[in-house]
Structure formats: structure tokens, C-alpha cells
Amino acid sequence: MPFNSFPFYPQTRKPFLYDTSIVEIIIICSVTACTFIIILPGIRGKLRLFWLLRVLTSLLIGAVILAVNFTRDWEVGMVTTTTVYKSFSNEMVNVSIGLWVGLKGINITLSGIPVHQINETINYNEIFDWETGHIFDKEYADGLERGLPNPILYVAEKFTSGNPCRLYEQYSIGSYYASALMWLAFCSWIFCNVLFSMLLLQYGIYMMISTSLCIIISLISFVSIRQEACSIMFGISVLQPTLGLSFWISLGAGMLCLMLSLILIVLHIRKPTILKRIFNDIDAAKKISDSEEVLFLDDNQTIMLQQML
């Protein structure tokens, strides 16, 4: 075998960086949103736009809560360096190495610059799940048997259960609690919509607050475990992951949910009629308006009698 050639290891490539479940979630939410838009002209009342805005906002929050459980960009790190391509070889390649951290595991990408080098196409995307330490270690051992490039194995080794860096313990624990709280937020979101549809507005607001708190606590649990105890070095370059798009989208959804719940609380206390009309509870709004008018008339009559006396 020539010195600069490498054995061929048949392997199943995973070219798509994101879980296909995200596509299914987006399609379901898009179809649901289009359905509500189509039936919008059949809804009576001047507040139909508020109804549509409420439905679309709720779908957006629910889609974010559900989708981020399957994304792989809670943390993202990229570095460009020149490194050894395969073990037991002196061949050097110029590559871009990426680390994508999700709640279920990590993706390690390796792209050549250019892609075609040393008579080979360098374009890898390997998935390592961490449901348990045994599964992650087994997938790492499978990568060794398949002869994955050295940079991928080097990064994956940092996350094995027996590595002194203890990255597996930090990320797996934080991801476990973050995922559990996100699913709890999704359940709260479902109960919130059910209560709003039953016009139990006060309890629906409470569940909306619960949803926002679950999201925010989930993000705190993910961030609090992160420690910079171990660096992933490639020569003088450091692969340092930072908070990714999924984290910031989740934070935005949590803050939006909290802000809306606070606005609804203020309306419930100060302007219950407006709150009832927003949720199309016209009968209750009329009763509140009539009672307010009766109280206003009674007050006026009392003032007139006092003036006459």
C-alpha cells in the first residue's frame, strides 16, 4: 500500500446536520397556521385579527419549545487549522472543524479547505449521542473501528465518560435537565391553550407563566453546568463553543411568553372587559360593561341625592 493512501472504510454518512423531526414540526405548524388563516373570514367580530395574532403567537411558542429538543446548535464552535488527517500518518490537511452541541448529543463536522485533498473528499458529519455514557463510548469505539479522521476522534474523545476533562458529565447532566424542563414547558403550553379555549382566562394566564418559567429555568440549567475546565486544542488554535441559535431562540420565546403573561395579568386586573373581548368572550364582556354602567349610575344618583339634601 502506498504511504500516502488510506484504507477504505464503508460508512453511513449523515450529511444533514439537523434532526429530520424539526422538518416535521415546521410542516405541521405551517399547515396549522395556514388552516387558521383560511378560516379567518368566517369568524365574526372586529377582533378577528387579535384572534389570529393570538393563534399564530401560540403556535410560534409551541413550535420553538418542541423543535429545540431536537436541534444540535445549543452550542456551536468552529476552528480552522492545519492538522494530521489520519492516525499513523504524517499527511497534513487544511480543514474546518465544527462542534455542534444539542440536548441529545453532539455533531462533529470536518470540512476540507478545499474539500478535495490528498485524493479524498473531506466532508464529514458524525453524530454522537449521550443518552448514556455506555452508548457514547460505544459510538466512539465504532468510530475508531471505521477509521474516522483524527480530528473527529480527538474531539469525540474529550466527551467520553472516562476522559479527565469530564465534558460528558457536564454536558449530559445539563442537557438532561434542560430537555426535561422543555418537555414540561410544552405540557404547560398545551394546558394553557386548552384553558384559554375554555375561556378560563385566569388559569390560562397562570399556565402561561408556568410555561415561561420552565423555559427560562431550562436555559439556566444548561448554562450553569458549562465550565471551561478543558480546552480542545489544535496546535495554537482552540475550539471554543459558544451559545448557539437554539439557545437564543428559546430565550426569546421564554421572554415573549413571560411578557405576554404579564400584560394579560394587568388587563385581568385593570381592564377585564378588554381581556374578555380579546378572547372573544363577548357575553362576559357585556355583563362586565353592564355592571360597570349600573355602578356608575348608582354613584351618580347617590351624588344627586346628597346634593338635594
C-alpha atoms as a PDB file:
ATOM      1  CA  MET A   1       0.000   0.000   0.000  1.00  0.00           C
ATOM      2  CA  PRO A   2       1.461   3.431  -0.889  1.00  0.00           C
ATOM      3  CA  PHE A   3       2.433   5.633   2.009  1.00  0.00           C
ATOM      4  CA  ASN A   4       0.027   8.460   1.156  1.00  0.00           C
ATOM      5  CA  SER A   5      -3.051   6.280   0.604  1.00  0.00           C
ATOM      6  CA  PHE A   6      -5.561   5.205   3.210  1.00  0.00           C
ATOM      7  CA  PRO A   7      -7.796   2.145   3.542  1.00  0.00           C
ATOM      8  CA  PHE A   8     -11.441   2.479   2.562  1.00  0.00           C
ATOM      9  CA  TYR A   9     -13.911   2.110   5.421  1.00  0.00           C
ATOM     10  CA  PRO A  10     -17.552   1.808   4.318  1.00  0.00           C
ATOM     11  CA  GLN A  11     -19.689   4.041   6.479  1.00  0.00           C
ATOM     12  CA  THR A  12     -23.132   5.597   6.600  1.00  0.00           C
ATOM     13  CA  ARG A  13     -22.777   9.326   6.095  1.00  0.00           C
ATOM     14  CA  LYS A  14     -25.058  11.743   7.902  1.00  0.00           C
ATOM     15  CA  PRO A  15     -24.954  14.832   5.666  1.00  0.00           C
ATOM     16  CA  PHE A  16     -27.934  16.587   7.259  1.00  0.00           C
ATOM     17  CA  LEU A  17     -26.862  18.497  10.344  1.00  0.00           C
ATOM     18  CA  TYR A  18     -30.319  18.811  11.911  1.00  0.00           C
ATOM     19  CA  ASP A  19     -32.763  16.149  13.009  1.00  0.00           C
ATOM     20  CA  THR A  20     -35.465  15.470  10.426  1.00  0.00           C
ATOM     21  CA  SER A  21     -38.041  15.752  13.229  1.00  0.00           C
ATOM     22  CA  ILE A  22     -37.558  19.527  13.008  1.00  0.00           C
ATOM     23  CA  VAL A  23     -38.820  19.482   9.416  1.00  0.00           C
ATOM     24  CA  GLU A  24     -41.917  17.562  10.506  1.00  0.00           C
ATOM     25  CA  ILE A  25     -42.595  20.076  13.299  1.00  0.00           C
ATOM     26  CA  ILE A  26     -42.227  23.021  10.906  1.00  0.00           C
ATOM     27  CA  ILE A  27     -44.566  21.414   8.355  1.00  0.00           C
ATOM     28  CA  ILE A  28     -47.236  20.625  10.981  1.00  0.00           C
ATOM     29  CA  CYS A  29     -47.140  24.139  12.455  1.00  0.00           C
ATOM     30  CA  SER A  30     -47.159  25.759   8.999  1.00  0.00           C
ATOM     31  CA  VAL A  31     -50.178  23.719   7.881  1.00  0.00           C
ATOM     32  CA  THR A  32     -51.998  24.548  11.129  1.00  0.00           C
ATOM     33  CA  ALA A  33     -51.244  28.261  10.721  1.00  0.00           C
ATOM     34  CA  CYS A  34     -52.465  28.228   7.099  1.00  0.00           C
ATOM     35  CA  THR A  35     -55.659  26.483   8.214  1.00  0.00           C
ATOM     36  CA  PHE A  36     -56.423  29.202  10.752  1.00  0.00           C
ATOM     37  CA  ILE A  37     -55.690  31.902   8.174  1.00  0.00           C
ATOM     38  CA  ILE A  38     -58.102  30.273   5.704  1.00  0.00           C
ATOM     39  CA  ILE A  39     -60.972  30.133   8.221  1.00  0.00           C
ATOM     40  CA  LEU A  40     -60.316  33.693   9.416  1.00  0.00           C
ATOM     41  CA  PRO A  41     -63.013  35.324   7.191  1.00  0.00           C
ATOM     42  CA  GLY A  42     -65.652  33.066   8.764  1.00  0.00           C
ATOM     43  CA  ILE A  43     -65.050  34.446  12.257  1.00  0.00           C
ATOM     44  CA  ARG A  44     -67.381  37.226  13.322  1.00  0.00           C
ATOM     45  CA  GLY A  45     -66.398  40.321  15.186  1.00  0.00           C
ATOM     46  CA  LYS A  46     -63.974  43.177  14.828  1.00  0.00           C
ATOM     47  CA  LEU A  47     -61.329  41.429  16.920  1.00  0.00           C
ATOM     48  CA  ARG A  48     -60.660  38.619  14.451  1.00  0.00           C
ATOM     49  CA  LEU A  49     -57.145  39.964  13.876  1.00  0.00           C
ATOM     50  CA  PHE A  50     -56.438  39.713  17.601  1.00  0.00           C
ATOM     51  CA  TRP A  51     -57.657  36.131  17.444  1.00  0.00           C
ATOM     52  CA  LEU A  52     -55.324  35.368  14.529  1.00  0.00           C
ATOM     53  CA  LEU A  53     -52.399  37.053  16.277  1.00  0.00           C
ATOM     54  CA  ARG A  54     -53.092  35.033  19.422  1.00  0.00           C
ATOM     55  CA  VAL A  55     -53.180  31.763  17.472  1.00  0.00           C
ATOM     56  CA  LEU A  56     -50.006  32.475  15.493  1.00  0.00           C
ATOM     57  CA  THR A  57     -48.112  33.585  18.609  1.00  0.00           C
ATOM     58  CA  SER A  58     -49.158  30.446  20.449  1.00  0.00           C
ATOM     59  CA  LEU A  59     -48.093  28.258  17.511  1.00  0.00           C
ATOM     60  CA  LEU A  60     -44.733  30.016  17.349  1.00  0.00           C
ATOM     61  CA  ILE A  61     -44.027  29.461  21.040  1.00  0.00           C
ATOM     62  CA  GLY A  62     -45.126  25.820  20.874  1.00  0.00           C
ATOM     63  CA  ALA A  63     -43.052  25.141  17.754  1.00  0.00           C
ATOM     64  CA  VAL A  64     -39.937  26.625  19.355  1.00  0.00           C
ATOM     65  CA  ILE A  65     -40.395  24.606  22.562  1.00  0.00           C
ATOM     66  CA  LEU A  66     -40.842  21.390  20.602  1.00  0.00           C
ATOM     67  CA  ALA A  67     -38.152  21.968  17.972  1.00  0.00           C
ATOM     68  CA  VAL A  68     -35.257  22.912  20.260  1.00  0.00           C
ATOM     69  CA  ASN A  69     -35.421  19.461  21.850  1.00  0.00           C
ATOM     70  CA  PHE A  70     -34.108  18.043  18.563  1.00  0.00           C
ATOM     71  CA  THR A  71     -31.706  20.752  17.375  1.00  0.00           C
ATOM     72  CA  ARG A  72     -27.940  20.425  17.558  1.00  0.00           C
ATOM     73  CA  ASP A  73     -26.927  24.065  17.868  1.00  0.00           C
ATOM     74  CA  TRP A  74     -27.399  24.926  21.535  1.00  0.00           C
ATOM     75  CA  GLU A  75     -23.652  25.470  21.475  1.00  0.00           C
ATOM     76  CA  VAL A  76     -21.551  25.910  18.356  1.00  0.00           C
ATOM     77  CA  GLY A  77     -17.792  26.035  17.925  1.00  0.00           C
ATOM     78  CA  MET A  78     -15.726  26.323  14.744  1.00  0.00           C
ATOM     79  CA  VAL A  79     -11.998  26.424  14.141  1.00  0.00           C
ATOM     80  CA  THR A  80      -9.842  26.381  11.004  1.00  0.00           C
ATOM     81  CA  THR A  81      -6.463  24.726  11.292  1.00  0.00           C
ATOM     82  CA  THR A  82      -3.876  22.508   9.642  1.00  0.00           C
ATOM     83  CA  THR A  83      -3.699  19.122  11.308  1.00  0.00           C
ATOM     84  CA  VAL A  84      -2.977  15.433  10.796  1.00  0.00           C
ATOM     85  CA  TYR A  85      -5.742  13.769   8.814  1.00  0.00           C
ATOM     86  CA  LYS A  86      -5.362  10.112   9.833  1.00  0.00           C
ATOM     87  CA  SER A  87      -3.654   8.328  12.672  1.00  0.00           C
ATOM     88  CA  PHE A  88      -0.241   6.767  11.972  1.00  0.00           C
ATOM     89  CA  SER A  89       0.307   9.157   9.069  1.00  0.00           C
ATOM     90  CA  ASN A  90       2.201  12.395   8.508  1.00  0.00           C
ATOM     91  CA  GLU A  91      -0.253  13.756   5.920  1.00  0.00           C
ATOM     92  CA  MET A  92      -1.389  17.270   6.895  1.00  0.00           C
ATOM     93  CA  VAL A  93      -4.649  18.820   5.697  1.00  0.00           C
ATOM     94  CA  ASN A  94      -6.189  22.260   5.981  1.00  0.00           C
ATOM     95  CA  VAL A  95      -9.669  21.762   7.458  1.00  0.00           C
ATOM     96  CA  SER A  96     -12.525  23.449   9.269  1.00  0.00           C
ATOM     97  CA  ILE A  97     -13.604  21.582  12.412  1.00  0.00           C
ATOM     98  CA  GLY A  98     -17.026  22.195  13.922  1.00  0.00           C
ATOM     99  CA  LEU A  99     -18.616  21.151  17.206  1.00  0.00           C
ATOM    100  CA  TRP A 100     -22.411  21.296  17.464  1.00  0.00           C
ATOM    101  CA  VAL A 101     -23.893  20.567  20.894  1.00  0.00           C
ATOM    102  CA  GLY A 102     -27.553  19.647  21.353  1.00  0.00           C
ATOM    103  CA  LEU A 103     -29.708  18.240  24.113  1.00  0.00           C
ATOM    104  CA  LYS A 104     -29.345  14.687  22.798  1.00  0.00           C
ATOM    105  CA  GLY A 105     -25.707  14.636  21.757  1.00  0.00           C
ATOM    106  CA  ILE A 106     -23.085  16.311  19.610  1.00  0.00           C
ATOM    107  CA  ASN A 107     -22.272  16.655  15.928  1.00  0.00           C
ATOM    108  CA  ILE A 108     -18.643  16.886  14.863  1.00  0.00           C
ATOM    109  CA  THR A 109     -18.092  18.223  11.365  1.00  0.00           C
ATOM    110  CA  LEU A 110     -14.913  18.163   9.323  1.00  0.00           C
ATOM    111  CA  SER A 111     -14.675  20.013   6.011  1.00  0.00           C
ATOM    112  CA  GLY A 112     -11.562  20.319   3.927  1.00  0.00           C
ATOM    113  CA  ILE A 113     -10.372  23.686   2.610  1.00  0.00           C
ATOM    114  CA  PRO A 114     -10.607  22.841  -0.257  1.00  0.00           C
ATOM    115  CA  VAL A 115     -12.872  19.806   0.065  1.00  0.00           C
ATOM    116  CA  HIS A 116     -10.765  17.616  -2.250  1.00  0.00           C
ATOM    117  CA  GLN A 117      -7.336  16.955  -0.746  1.00  0.00           C
ATOM    118  CA  ILE A 118      -4.869  14.035  -0.826  1.00  0.00           C
ATOM    119  CA  ASN A 119      -7.075  12.225  -3.371  1.00  0.00           C
ATOM    120  CA  GLU A 120     -10.052  12.184  -0.996  1.00  0.00           C
ATOM    121  CA  THR A 121     -13.211  14.177  -0.339  1.00  0.00           C
ATOM    122  CA  ILE A 122     -13.001  15.571   3.188  1.00  0.00           C
ATOM    123  CA  ASN A 123     -16.575  16.301   4.243  1.00  0.00           C
ATOM    124  CA  TYR A 124     -17.680  14.540   7.421  1.00  0.00           C
ATOM    125  CA  ASN A 125     -20.574  14.988   9.809  1.00  0.00           C
ATOM    126  CA  GLU A 126     -20.600  12.470  12.645  1.00  0.00           C
ATOM    127  CA  ILE A 127     -23.254  12.172  15.359  1.00  0.00           C
ATOM    128  CA  PHE A 128     -22.514  11.002  18.901  1.00  0.00           C
ATOM    129  CA  ASP A 129     -25.489  10.626  21.239  1.00  0.00           C
ATOM    130  CA  TRP A 130     -25.179  10.725  25.015  1.00  0.00           C
ATOM    131  CA  GLU A 131     -28.320   9.095  26.320  1.00  0.00           C
ATOM    132  CA  THR A 132     -25.938   7.085  28.499  1.00  0.00           C
ATOM    133  CA  GLY A 133     -22.178   7.036  28.851  1.00  0.00           C
ATOM    134  CA  HIS A 134     -22.108   3.478  27.529  1.00  0.00           C
ATOM    135  CA  ILE A 135     -23.797   4.500  24.258  1.00  0.00           C
ATOM    136  CA  PHE A 136     -21.420   7.415  23.698  1.00  0.00           C
ATOM    137  CA  ASP A 137     -18.362   5.266  24.399  1.00  0.00           C
ATOM    138  CA  LYS A 138     -19.700   2.576  22.063  1.00  0.00           C
ATOM    139  CA  GLU A 139     -20.200   5.077  19.238  1.00  0.00           C
ATOM    140  CA  TYR A 140     -16.683   6.387  19.842  1.00  0.00           C
ATOM    141  CA  ALA A 141     -15.333   2.827  19.642  1.00  0.00           C
ATOM    142  CA  ASP A 142     -17.282   2.302  16.407  1.00  0.00           C
ATOM    143  CA  GLY A 143     -15.652   5.453  15.035  1.00  0.00           C
ATOM    144  CA  LEU A 144     -12.235   4.028  15.843  1.00  0.00           C
ATOM    145  CA  GLU A 145     -13.093   0.806  14.016  1.00  0.00           C
ATOM    146  CA  ARG A 146     -14.371   2.705  10.966  1.00  0.00           C
ATOM    147  CA  GLY A 147     -11.176   4.724  10.803  1.00  0.00           C
ATOM    148  CA  LEU A 148     -12.654   8.194  11.164  1.00  0.00           C
ATOM    149  CA  PRO A 149     -10.291  11.132  10.675  1.00  0.00           C
ATOM    150  CA  ASN A 150      -8.082  12.008  13.603  1.00  0.00           C
ATOM    151  CA  PRO A 151      -9.627  15.473  14.341  1.00  0.00           C
ATOM    152  CA  ILE A 152     -13.109  13.939  14.765  1.00  0.00           C
ATOM    153  CA  LEU A 153     -11.823  11.228  17.078  1.00  0.00           C
ATOM    154  CA  TYR A 154      -9.804  13.762  19.066  1.00  0.00           C
ATOM    155  CA  VAL A 155     -12.864  15.942  19.742  1.00  0.00           C
ATOM    156  CA  ALA A 156     -15.100  12.934  20.468  1.00  0.00           C
ATOM    157  CA  GLU A 157     -12.541  11.542  22.918  1.00  0.00           C
ATOM    158  CA  LYS A 158     -12.914  14.684  25.052  1.00  0.00           C
ATOM    159  CA  PHE A 159     -16.576  13.726  25.631  1.00  0.00           C
ATOM    160  CA  THR A 160     -16.064  10.077  26.568  1.00  0.00           C
ATOM    161  CA  SER A 161     -17.081   9.092  30.088  1.00  0.00           C
ATOM    162  CA  GLY A 162     -13.547   8.216  31.189  1.00  0.00           C
ATOM    163  CA  ASN A 163     -11.839  11.367  29.912  1.00  0.00           C
ATOM    164  CA  PRO A 164     -10.261  13.607  32.605  1.00  0.00           C
ATOM    165  CA  CYS A 165     -11.927  16.676  31.050  1.00  0.00           C
ATOM    166  CA  ARG A 166     -15.313  15.418  32.351  1.00  0.00           C
ATOM    167  CA  LEU A 167     -17.091  17.165  29.483  1.00  0.00           C
ATOM    168  CA  TYR A 168     -19.523  14.273  29.184  1.00  0.00           C
ATOM    169  CA  GLU A 169     -20.737  14.678  32.770  1.00  0.00           C
ATOM    170  CA  GLN A 170     -21.100  18.448  32.445  1.00  0.00           C
ATOM    171  CA  TYR A 171     -22.991  18.489  29.169  1.00  0.00           C
ATOM    172  CA  SER A 172     -25.071  15.346  29.645  1.00  0.00           C
ATOM    173  CA  ILE A 173     -26.370  16.459  33.059  1.00  0.00           C
ATOM    174  CA  GLY A 174     -27.144  19.985  31.880  1.00  0.00           C
ATOM    175  CA  SER A 175     -28.803  18.708  28.708  1.00  0.00           C
ATOM    176  CA  TYR A 176     -30.843  16.129  30.628  1.00  0.00           C
ATOM    177  CA  TYR A 177     -32.458  18.691  32.931  1.00  0.00           C
ATOM    178  CA  ALA A 178     -32.818  21.253  30.138  1.00  0.00           C
ATOM    179  CA  SER A 179     -34.650  18.723  27.967  1.00  0.00           C
ATOM    180  CA  ALA A 180     -36.902  17.602  30.839  1.00  0.00           C
ATOM    181  CA  LEU A 181     -37.876  21.195  31.615  1.00  0.00           C
ATOM    182  CA  MET A 182     -38.515  21.916  27.935  1.00  0.00           C
ATOM    183  CA  TRP A 183     -40.928  18.989  27.747  1.00  0.00           C
ATOM    184  CA  LEU A 184     -42.585  20.264  30.930  1.00  0.00           C
ATOM    185  CA  ALA A 185     -42.900  23.677  29.260  1.00  0.00           C
ATOM    186  CA  PHE A 186     -44.532  22.005  26.261  1.00  0.00           C
ATOM    187  CA  CYS A 187     -47.100  20.321  28.528  1.00  0.00           C
ATOM    188  CA  SER A 188     -47.784  23.661  30.236  1.00  0.00           C
ATOM    189  CA  TRP A 189     -48.223  25.263  26.819  1.00  0.00           C
ATOM    190  CA  ILE A 190     -50.845  22.647  25.881  1.00  0.00           C
ATOM    191  CA  PHE A 191     -52.763  23.186  29.139  1.00  0.00           C
ATOM    192  CA  CYS A 192     -52.535  26.945  28.610  1.00  0.00           C
ATOM    193  CA  ASN A 193     -54.202  26.710  25.198  1.00  0.00           C
ATOM    194  CA  VAL A 194     -56.872  24.330  26.498  1.00  0.00           C
ATOM    195  CA  LEU A 195     -57.750  26.698  29.352  1.00  0.00           C
ATOM    196  CA  PHE A 196     -57.858  29.703  27.025  1.00  0.00           C
ATOM    197  CA  SER A 197     -60.157  27.827  24.634  1.00  0.00           C
ATOM    198  CA  MET A 198     -62.453  27.043  27.599  1.00  0.00           C
ATOM    199  CA  LEU A 199     -62.386  30.779  28.481  1.00  0.00           C
ATOM    200  CA  LEU A 200     -60.821  30.050  31.872  1.00  0.00           C
ATOM    201  CA  LEU A 201     -58.587  33.040  31.337  1.00  0.00           C
ATOM    202  CA  GLN A 202     -57.145  33.421  34.812  1.00  0.00           C
ATOM    203  CA  TYR A 203     -55.932  29.817  34.959  1.00  0.00           C
ATOM    204  CA  GLY A 204     -54.692  30.064  31.375  1.00  0.00           C
ATOM    205  CA  ILE A 205     -52.541  33.030  32.377  1.00  0.00           C
ATOM    206  CA  TYR A 206     -51.127  31.018  35.271  1.00  0.00           C
ATOM    207  CA  MET A 207     -50.157  28.205  32.898  1.00  0.00           C
ATOM    208  CA  MET A 208     -48.567  30.727  30.523  1.00  0.00           C
ATOM    209  CA  ILE A 209     -46.418  31.990  33.390  1.00  0.00           C
ATOM    210  CA  SER A 210     -45.541  28.379  34.197  1.00  0.00           C
ATOM    211  CA  THR A 211     -44.520  27.828  30.562  1.00  0.00           C
ATOM    212  CA  SER A 212     -42.217  30.847  30.541  1.00  0.00           C
ATOM    213  CA  LEU A 213     -40.636  29.883  33.863  1.00  0.00           C
ATOM    214  CA  CYS A 214     -39.965  26.331  32.651  1.00  0.00           C
ATOM    215  CA  ILE A 215     -38.228  27.666  29.536  1.00  0.00           C
ATOM    216  CA  ILE A 216     -36.093  30.144  31.470  1.00  0.00           C
ATOM    217  CA  ILE A 217     -35.122  27.603  34.155  1.00  0.00           C
ATOM    218  CA  SER A 218     -34.265  25.127  31.382  1.00  0.00           C
ATOM    219  CA  LEU A 219     -31.842  27.635  29.868  1.00  0.00           C
ATOM    220  CA  ILE A 220     -30.330  28.377  33.268  1.00  0.00           C
ATOM    221  CA  SER A 221     -29.785  24.669  33.923  1.00  0.00           C
ATOM    222  CA  PHE A 222     -27.997  24.299  30.576  1.00  0.00           C
ATOM    223  CA  VAL A 223     -25.751  27.317  31.105  1.00  0.00           C
ATOM    224  CA  SER A 224     -24.938  26.702  34.771  1.00  0.00           C
ATOM    225  CA  ILE A 225     -23.262  23.347  34.073  1.00  0.00           C
ATOM    226  CA  ARG A 226     -20.889  24.795  31.478  1.00  0.00           C
ATOM    227  CA  GLN A 227     -17.301  25.064  32.656  1.00  0.00           C
ATOM    228  CA  GLU A 228     -14.132  25.934  30.801  1.00  0.00           C
ATOM    229  CA  ALA A 229     -12.057  23.321  32.562  1.00  0.00           C
ATOM    230  CA  CYS A 230     -10.703  21.708  29.402  1.00  0.00           C
ATOM    231  CA  SER A 231      -9.676  23.234  26.089  1.00  0.00           C
ATOM    232  CA  ILE A 232      -9.839  21.445  22.752  1.00  0.00           C
ATOM    233  CA  MET A 233      -6.543  22.439  21.163  1.00  0.00           C
ATOM    234  CA  PHE A 234      -5.420  22.031  17.556  1.00  0.00           C
ATOM    235  CA  GLY A 235      -1.907  23.397  17.621  1.00  0.00           C
ATOM    236  CA  ILE A 236      -2.272  27.046  18.568  1.00  0.00           C
ATOM    237  CA  SER A 237      -5.974  27.089  17.636  1.00  0.00           C
ATOM    238  CA  VAL A 238      -8.666  26.473  20.252  1.00  0.00           C
ATOM    239  CA  LEU A 239     -12.094  25.011  19.540  1.00  0.00           C
ATOM    240  CA  GLN A 240     -14.226  27.013  21.975  1.00  0.00           C
ATOM    241  CA  PRO A 241     -18.017  26.555  21.633  1.00  0.00           C
ATOM    242  CA  THR A 242     -20.354  29.465  22.322  1.00  0.00           C
ATOM    243  CA  LEU A 243     -24.109  29.617  22.858  1.00  0.00           C
ATOM    244  CA  GLY A 244     -25.887  28.912  19.593  1.00  0.00           C
ATOM    245  CA  LEU A 245     -29.082  29.816  17.779  1.00  0.00           C
ATOM    246  CA  SER A 246     -31.349  27.342  19.593  1.00  0.00           C
ATOM    247  CA  PHE A 247     -30.418  28.810  22.968  1.00  0.00           C
ATOM    248  CA  TRP A 248     -31.183  32.376  21.915  1.00  0.00           C
ATOM    249  CA  ILE A 249     -34.426  31.407  20.163  1.00  0.00           C
ATOM    250  CA  SER A 250     -35.531  29.589  23.323  1.00  0.00           C
ATOM    251  CA  LEU A 251     -34.636  32.632  25.402  1.00  0.00           C
ATOM    252  CA  GLY A 252     -36.661  34.847  23.072  1.00  0.00           C
ATOM    253  CA  ALA A 253     -39.661  32.506  23.274  1.00  0.00           C
ATOM    254  CA  GLY A 254     -39.445  32.394  27.068  1.00  0.00           C
ATOM    255  CA  MET A 255     -39.217  36.173  27.410  1.00  0.00           C
ATOM    256  CA  LEU A 256     -42.070  36.662  24.920  1.00  0.00           C
ATOM    257  CA  CYS A 257     -44.234  34.226  26.862  1.00  0.00           C
ATOM    258  CA  LEU A 258     -43.407  35.957  30.158  1.00  0.00           C
ATOM    259  CA  MET A 259     -44.081  39.426  28.730  1.00  0.00           C
ATOM    260  CA  LEU A 260     -47.457  38.365  27.291  1.00  0.00           C
ATOM    261  CA  SER A 261     -48.491  36.755  30.565  1.00  0.00           C
ATOM    262  CA  LEU A 262     -47.649  39.939  32.498  1.00  0.00           C
ATOM    263  CA  ILE A 263     -49.671  42.022  30.030  1.00  0.00           C
ATOM    264  CA  LEU A 264     -52.638  39.671  30.418  1.00  0.00           C
ATOM    265  CA  ILE A 265     -52.388  39.873  34.212  1.00  0.00           C
ATOM    266  CA  VAL A 266     -52.531  43.672  34.057  1.00  0.00           C
ATOM    267  CA  LEU A 267     -55.546  43.512  31.733  1.00  0.00           C
ATOM    268  CA  HIS A 268     -57.228  40.972  34.007  1.00  0.00           C
ATOM    269  CA  ILE A 269     -56.851  43.308  36.984  1.00  0.00           C
ATOM    270  CA  ARG A 270     -57.360  46.688  35.332  1.00  0.00           C
ATOM    271  CA  LYS A 271     -59.400  46.078  32.172  1.00  0.00           C
ATOM    272  CA  PRO A 272     -61.228  42.732  32.376  1.00  0.00           C
ATOM    273  CA  THR A 273     -63.632  43.812  29.612  1.00  0.00           C
ATOM    274  CA  ILE A 274     -60.810  44.240  27.096  1.00  0.00           C
ATOM    275  CA  LEU A 275     -59.346  40.886  28.111  1.00  0.00           C
ATOM    276  CA  LYS A 276     -62.699  39.163  27.558  1.00  0.00           C
ATOM    277  CA  ARG A 277     -63.079  40.777  24.149  1.00  0.00           C
ATOM    278  CA  ILE A 278     -59.573  39.732  23.096  1.00  0.00           C
ATOM    279  CA  PHE A 279     -60.531  36.122  23.784  1.00  0.00           C
ATOM    280  CA  ASN A 280     -63.931  36.585  22.064  1.00  0.00           C
ATOM    281  CA  ASP A 281     -65.900  36.164  25.286  1.00  0.00           C
ATOM    282  CA  ILE A 282     -68.462  38.763  24.196  1.00  0.00           C
ATOM    283  CA  ASP A 283     -71.212  37.753  26.634  1.00  0.00           C
ATOM    284  CA  ALA A 284     -68.960  38.056  29.659  1.00  0.00           C
ATOM    285  CA  ALA A 285     -67.626  41.368  28.379  1.00  0.00           C
ATOM    286  CA  LYS A 286     -71.184  42.723  28.028  1.00  0.00           C
ATOM    287  CA  LYS A 287     -72.060  41.601  31.554  1.00  0.00           C
ATOM    288  CA  ILE A 288     -68.995  43.373  32.928  1.00  0.00           C
ATOM    289  CA  SER A 289     -69.832  46.516  30.935  1.00  0.00           C
ATOM    290  CA  ASP A 290     -73.457  46.470  32.123  1.00  0.00           C
ATOM    291  CA  SER A 291     -72.405  46.025  35.747  1.00  0.00           C
ATOM    292  CA  GLU A 292     -69.945  48.896  35.423  1.00  0.00           C
ATOM    293  CA  GLU A 293     -72.677  51.101  33.922  1.00  0.00           C
ATOM    294  CA  VAL A 294     -75.087  50.188  36.741  1.00  0.00           C
ATOM    295  CA  LEU A 295     -72.475  51.051  39.339  1.00  0.00           C
ATOM    296  CA  PHE A 296     -71.779  54.325  37.557  1.00  0.00           C
ATOM    297  CA  LEU A 297     -75.490  55.227  37.508  1.00  0.00           C
ATOM    298  CA  ASP A 298     -75.898  54.307  41.169  1.00  0.00           C
ATOM    299  CA  ASP A 299     -72.977  56.534  42.082  1.00  0.00           C
ATOM    300  CA  ASN A 300     -74.459  59.437  40.098  1.00  0.00           C
ATOM    301  CA  GLN A 301     -77.858  59.012  41.757  1.00  0.00           C
ATOM    302  CA  THR A 302     -76.254  58.941  45.189  1.00  0.00           C
ATOM    303  CA  ILE A 303     -74.356  62.142  44.448  1.00  0.00           C
ATOM    304  CA  MET A 304     -77.542  63.872  43.203  1.00  0.00           C
ATOM    305  CA  LEU A 305     -79.483  62.868  46.335  1.00  0.00           C
ATOM    306  CA  GLN A 306     -76.716  64.178  48.553  1.00  0.00           C
ATOM    307  CA  GLN A 307     -76.753  67.490  46.692  1.00  0.00           C
ATOM    308  CA  MET A 308     -80.559  67.785  47.024  1.00  0.00           C
ATOM    309  CA  LEU A 309     -80.386  67.138  50.752  1.00  0.00           C
END
